[in-house]
Amino acid sequence: MEIIASKWSMVTLFALTDGPLRHGELVELSGGISRKVLTQTLRRLQANGLVERHAYAEAPPRVEYSLTDLGRTLEEPIRMLTAWARENGEAVVTFREAAEAASSIEADRATSAQRPG
């Protein structure tokens, strides 16, 4: 479960649901992932049997990544999670910000209570 719970794993798997992509295309579609982190993510996904790497004997060399049969079993759950995130993302952010603000207020109160007065 760890492998698919990672932010970049989910983003990468989602990007590959529409078909094979090259490394540079994945970087562009992933919105903020570094090439190094993408390479590490792809290697982990390959090691877990979710993604396969296809190297073509061409000049210049071409490498594409695609979902394996096992990886394709995650397509529907990933699409459902993505739809949920799009529908509920703002609400989650609102709750998180409120919790962070409340935590900050409590920390300020605790600090004030400890000061000699």
Protein backbone atom coordinates (compact mmCIF):
# COMPACT_ATOMS: atom_id res chain seq x y z
CA MET A 1 0.00 0.00 0.00
CA GLU A 2 2.87 2.41 0.71
CA ILE A 3 3.82 2.56 -2.93
CA ILE A 4 0.45 3.84 -4.09
CA ALA A 5 -0.07 6.08 -1.05
CA SER A 6 2.86 8.27 -2.09
CA LYS A 7 1.83 11.59 -3.65
CA TRP A 8 4.12 11.23 -6.65
CA SER A 9 3.20 7.60 -7.22
CA MET A 10 -0.47 8.51 -7.51
CA VAL A 11 0.28 11.44 -9.81
CA THR A 12 2.53 9.28 -12.00
CA LEU A 13 0.07 6.40 -12.16
CA PHE A 14 -2.76 8.81 -13.03
CA ALA A 15 -0.68 10.35 -15.83
CA LEU A 16 -0.06 6.89 -17.29
CA THR A 17 -3.75 5.93 -17.35
CA ASP A 18 -4.10 7.51 -20.80
CA GLY A 19 -1.24 5.51 -22.28
CA PRO A 20 2.56 5.35 -22.55
CA LEU A 21 4.58 8.50 -21.86
CA ARG A 22 8.19 9.55 -22.02
CA HIS A 23 10.08 10.82 -18.98
CA GLY A 24 9.88 14.47 -20.07
CA GLU A 25 6.15 14.20 -20.70
CA LEU A 26 5.66 12.78 -17.22
CA VAL A 27 7.63 15.68 -15.72
CA GLU A 28 5.38 18.17 -17.54
CA LEU A 29 2.14 16.40 -16.60
CA SER A 30 3.12 15.86 -12.98
CA GLY A 31 3.23 19.54 -12.07
CA GLY A 32 6.27 20.14 -9.92
CA ILE A 33 8.05 16.82 -9.69
CA SER A 34 11.81 16.95 -10.22
CA ARG A 35 13.41 14.62 -12.75
CA LYS A 36 15.29 12.86 -9.94
CA VAL A 37 12.15 12.24 -7.87
CA LEU A 38 10.27 11.06 -10.96
CA THR A 39 13.07 8.61 -11.78
CA GLN A 40 12.97 7.26 -8.21
CA THR A 41 9.18 7.01 -8.34
CA LEU A 42 9.22 5.17 -11.68
CA ARG A 43 11.83 2.72 -10.37
CA ARG A 44 9.70 1.97 -7.28
CA LEU A 45 6.60 1.51 -9.43
CA GLN A 46 8.55 -0.81 -11.75
CA ALA A 47 9.92 -2.82 -8.82
CA ASN A 48 6.35 -3.31 -7.58
CA GLY A 49 5.10 -4.45 -10.98
CA LEU A 50 2.86 -1.44 -11.67
CA VAL A 51 4.85 0.28 -14.43
CA GLU A 52 7.03 -1.04 -17.22
CA ARG A 53 9.84 0.69 -19.07
CA HIS A 54 10.19 0.27 -22.82
CA ALA A 55 13.54 1.27 -24.33
CA TYR A 56 13.57 1.52 -28.12
CA ALA A 57 16.74 0.96 -30.14
CA GLU A 58 16.60 4.26 -32.00
CA ALA A 59 18.78 7.29 -32.45
CA PRO A 60 18.20 9.34 -30.41
CA PRO A 61 17.22 6.78 -27.77
CA ARG A 62 13.57 6.70 -26.79
CA VAL A 63 12.17 5.34 -23.54
CA GLU A 64 8.49 5.15 -22.66
CA TYR A 65 6.71 4.13 -19.50
CA SER A 66 3.32 2.46 -19.32
CA LEU A 67 1.10 0.69 -16.84
CA THR A 68 1.41 -3.07 -16.56
CA ASP A 69 -1.68 -5.28 -16.37
CA LEU A 70 -1.39 -5.04 -12.59
CA GLY A 71 -1.01 -1.25 -12.80
CA ARG A 72 -4.12 -1.02 -14.97
CA THR A 73 -6.15 -2.58 -12.16
CA LEU A 74 -5.60 0.72 -10.32
CA GLU A 75 -7.05 2.92 -13.09
CA GLU A 76 -10.61 3.04 -11.78
CA PRO A 77 -9.66 3.60 -8.11
CA ILE A 78 -7.22 6.35 -9.17
CA ARG A 79 -9.87 8.06 -11.32
CA MET A 80 -12.35 7.87 -8.44
CA LEU A 81 -9.83 9.36 -5.97
CA THR A 82 -8.95 12.10 -8.45
CA ALA A 83 -12.63 12.97 -8.93
CA TRP A 84 -13.13 13.01 -5.15
CA ALA A 85 -10.11 15.31 -4.70
CA ARG A 86 -11.41 17.71 -7.36
CA GLU A 87 -14.86 17.80 -5.75
CA ASN A 88 -13.70 18.04 -2.14
CA GLY A 89 -10.22 19.56 -2.28
CA GLU A 90 -11.31 23.05 -1.26
CA ALA A 91 -13.25 21.72 1.73
CA VAL A 92 -10.23 19.71 2.88
CA VAL A 93 -8.02 22.80 2.61
CA THR A 94 -10.56 24.84 4.59
CA PHE A 95 -10.66 22.25 7.39
CA ARG A 96 -6.86 21.95 7.44
CA GLU A 97 -6.41 25.73 7.63
CA ALA A 98 -8.95 25.96 10.47
CA ALA A 99 -7.17 23.17 12.37
CA GLU A 100 -3.79 24.85 11.86
CA ALA A 101 -5.18 28.20 13.05
CA ALA A 102 -6.72 26.58 16.14
CA SER A 103 -3.46 24.78 16.88
CA SER A 104 -1.55 28.05 16.56
CA ILE A 105 -3.96 29.83 18.92
CA GLU A 106 -3.63 27.01 21.48
CA ALA A 107 0.17 27.16 21.23
CA ASP A 108 0.09 30.94 21.78
CA ARG A 109 -2.15 30.50 24.84
CA ALA A 110 0.12 27.82 26.28
CA THR A 111 3.17 30.04 25.78
CA SER A 112 1.40 33.02 27.38
CA ALA A 113 0.28 30.93 30.37
CA GLN A 114 3.86 29.82 31.03
CA ARG A 115 5.24 33.37 31.14
CA PRO A 116 5.63 34.85 34.60
CA GLY A 117 3.24 37.68 34.93
